[in-house]
């Protein structure tokens, strides 16, 4: 009986740890996707506004 309850506690702990790890991984993936989307928007904006991108490039 004692061994069974110990195993169930360990399994419960592992499940909760896996959920935390999965949610952290999902957050990281989401943040990377957001960065890529922002970069793509910025790149599209500068490609559609060539004169603006030349002004920015000359100031850098």
N, C-alpha and C. Protein backbone atom coordinates (compact mmCIF):
# COMPACT_ATOMS: atom_id res chain seq x y z
N UNK A 1 0.83 -1.20 0.00
CA UNK A 1 0.00 0.00 0.00
C UNK A 1 0.87 1.26 0.00
N UNK A 2 1.90 1.26 0.83
CA UNK A 2 2.79 2.42 0.92
C UNK A 2 3.52 2.65 -0.41
N UNK A 3 3.97 1.58 -1.02
CA UNK A 3 4.68 1.68 -2.30
C UNK A 3 3.76 2.22 -3.39
N UNK A 4 2.53 1.79 -3.37
CA UNK A 4 1.56 2.24 -4.37
C UNK A 4 1.30 3.74 -4.24
N UNK A 5 1.14 4.22 -3.03
CA UNK A 5 0.89 5.66 -2.84
C UNK A 5 2.12 6.48 -3.20
N UNK A 6 3.30 5.95 -2.90
CA UNK A 6 4.54 6.64 -3.27
C UNK A 6 4.67 6.73 -4.79
N UNK A 7 4.35 5.65 -5.47
CA UNK A 7 4.40 5.65 -6.94
C UNK A 7 3.40 6.64 -7.52
N UNK A 8 2.21 6.69 -6.95
CA UNK A 8 1.21 7.62 -7.48
C UNK A 8 1.63 9.07 -7.25
N UNK A 9 2.29 9.34 -6.13
CA UNK A 9 2.79 10.69 -5.87
C UNK A 9 3.87 11.05 -6.89
N UNK A 10 4.77 10.11 -7.15
CA UNK A 10 5.85 10.34 -8.12
C UNK A 10 5.27 10.56 -9.52
N UNK A 11 4.30 9.75 -9.90
CA UNK A 11 3.66 9.89 -11.22
C UNK A 11 2.96 11.24 -11.32
N UNK A 12 2.29 11.64 -10.26
CA UNK A 12 1.60 12.93 -10.25
C UNK A 12 2.62 14.07 -10.40
N UNK A 13 3.72 13.97 -9.68
CA UNK A 13 4.78 14.98 -9.77
C UNK A 13 5.35 15.05 -11.18
N UNK A 14 5.60 13.89 -11.78
CA UNK A 14 6.16 13.86 -13.13
C UNK A 14 5.19 14.44 -14.15
N UNK A 15 3.90 14.16 -13.97
CA UNK A 15 2.90 14.71 -14.89
C UNK A 15 2.86 16.23 -14.79
N UNK A 16 2.88 16.74 -13.56
CA UNK A 16 2.84 18.20 -13.40
C UNK A 16 4.12 18.84 -13.93
N UNK A 17 5.26 18.18 -13.72
CA UNK A 17 6.53 18.69 -14.24
C UNK A 17 6.52 18.69 -15.77
N UNK A 18 5.96 17.65 -16.37
CA UNK A 18 5.87 17.57 -17.83
C UNK A 18 4.98 18.68 -18.37
N UNK A 19 3.88 18.97 -17.67
CA UNK A 19 2.99 20.05 -18.11
C UNK A 19 3.71 21.39 -18.07
N UNK A 20 4.49 21.62 -16.98
CA UNK A 20 5.23 22.87 -16.86
C UNK A 20 6.27 22.98 -17.98
N UNK A 21 7.00 21.89 -18.22
CA UNK A 21 8.01 21.89 -19.27
C UNK A 21 7.38 22.11 -20.64
N UNK A 22 6.25 21.49 -20.88
CA UNK A 22 5.57 21.64 -22.16
C UNK A 22 5.08 23.07 -22.35
N UNK A 23 4.50 23.65 -21.29
CA UNK A 23 4.01 25.02 -21.41
C UNK A 23 5.18 25.99 -21.63
N UNK A 24 6.31 25.73 -20.98
CA UNK A 24 7.49 26.58 -21.20
C UNK A 24 7.98 26.47 -22.64
N UNK A 25 8.00 25.25 -23.15
CA UNK A 25 8.42 25.04 -24.53
C UNK A 25 7.46 25.72 -25.50
N UNK A 26 6.18 25.63 -25.22
CA UNK A 26 5.18 26.27 -26.08
C UNK A 26 5.34 27.79 -26.05
N UNK A 27 5.61 28.34 -24.86
CA UNK A 27 5.82 29.78 -24.75
C UNK A 27 7.04 30.21 -25.55
N UNK A 28 8.12 29.42 -25.46
CA UNK A 28 9.34 29.74 -26.20
C UNK A 28 9.09 29.69 -27.71
N UNK A 29 8.39 28.67 -28.15
CA UNK A 29 8.07 28.54 -29.58
C UNK A 29 7.21 29.71 -30.04
N UNK A 30 6.24 30.10 -29.21
CA UNK A 30 5.36 31.22 -29.54
C UNK A 30 6.17 32.52 -29.64
N UNK A 31 7.10 32.73 -28.71
CA UNK A 31 7.92 33.94 -28.74
C UNK A 31 8.81 33.98 -29.97
N UNK A 32 9.38 32.84 -30.33
CA UNK A 32 10.21 32.78 -31.55
C UNK A 32 9.35 33.09 -32.77
N UNK A 33 8.14 32.54 -32.80
CA UNK A 33 7.24 32.80 -33.93
C UNK A 33 6.87 34.28 -33.99
N UNK A 34 6.62 34.89 -32.83
CA UNK A 34 6.28 36.32 -32.80
C UNK A 34 7.45 37.15 -33.32
N UNK A 35 8.68 36.80 -32.94
CA UNK A 35 9.86 37.52 -33.42
C UNK A 35 9.98 37.40 -34.93
N UNK A 36 9.76 36.19 -35.44
CA UNK A 36 9.87 35.99 -36.89
C UNK A 36 8.79 36.77 -37.63
N UNK A 37 7.58 36.79 -37.07
CA UNK A 37 6.49 37.54 -37.70
C UNK A 37 6.83 39.03 -37.70
N UNK A 38 7.34 39.54 -36.58
CA UNK A 38 7.71 40.95 -36.49
C UNK A 38 8.81 41.29 -37.48
N UNK A 39 9.81 40.41 -37.59
CA UNK A 39 10.91 40.61 -38.54
C UNK A 39 10.38 40.62 -39.97
N UNK A 40 9.48 39.70 -40.27
CA UNK A 40 8.91 39.63 -41.62
C UNK A 40 8.11 40.89 -41.94
N UNK A 41 7.35 41.38 -40.96
CA UNK A 41 6.58 42.61 -41.18
C UNK A 41 7.51 43.79 -41.41
N UNK A 42 8.56 43.87 -40.59
CA UNK A 42 9.51 44.97 -40.72
C UNK A 42 10.22 44.92 -42.06
N UNK A 43 10.63 43.73 -42.46
CA UNK A 43 11.32 43.55 -43.75
C UNK A 43 10.39 43.92 -44.91
N UNK A 44 9.13 43.47 -44.84
CA UNK A 44 8.16 43.80 -45.88
C UNK A 44 7.95 45.31 -45.94
N UNK A 45 7.87 45.94 -44.77
CA UNK A 45 7.64 47.39 -44.71
C UNK A 45 8.79 48.14 -45.37
N UNK A 46 10.04 47.71 -45.07
CA UNK A 46 11.19 48.39 -45.66
C UNK A 46 11.33 48.09 -47.14
N UNK A 47 10.95 46.90 -47.57
CA UNK A 47 11.03 46.58 -48.99
C UNK A 47 9.98 47.34 -49.79
N UNK A 48 8.83 47.60 -49.18
CA UNK A 48 7.80 48.36 -49.89
C UNK A 48 8.08 49.86 -49.85
N UNK A 49 8.90 50.30 -48.91
CA UNK A 49 9.26 51.71 -48.79
C UNK A 49 10.77 51.86 -48.96
N UNK A 50 11.24 51.72 -50.19
CA UNK A 50 12.68 51.70 -50.46
C UNK A 50 13.35 53.01 -50.05
N UNK A 51 12.70 54.14 -50.30
CA UNK A 51 13.33 55.42 -49.96
C UNK A 51 13.50 55.57 -48.45
N UNK A 52 12.54 55.09 -47.69
CA UNK A 52 12.64 55.14 -46.23
C UNK A 52 13.78 54.25 -45.74
N UNK A 53 13.91 53.08 -46.34
CA UNK A 53 14.98 52.17 -45.92
C UNK A 53 16.35 52.76 -46.25
N UNK A 54 16.46 53.50 -47.35
CA UNK A 54 17.73 54.15 -47.69
C UNK A 54 18.07 55.24 -46.67
N UNK A 55 17.05 55.99 -46.22
CA UNK A 55 17.28 57.02 -45.21
C UNK A 55 17.73 56.41 -43.90
N UNK A 56 17.09 55.33 -43.50
CA UNK A 56 17.46 54.66 -42.25
C UNK A 56 18.86 54.09 -42.36
N UNK A 57 19.18 53.48 -43.50
CA UNK A 57 20.50 52.89 -43.70
C UNK A 57 21.59 53.96 -43.69
N UNK A 58 21.30 55.13 -44.20
CA UNK A 58 22.31 56.20 -44.22
C UNK A 58 22.56 56.76 -42.83
N UNK A 59 21.57 56.67 -41.94
CA UNK A 59 21.74 57.17 -40.57
C UNK A 59 22.46 56.18 -39.68
N UNK A 60 22.47 54.92 -40.06
CA UNK A 60 23.09 53.89 -39.21
C UNK A 60 24.60 53.89 -39.40
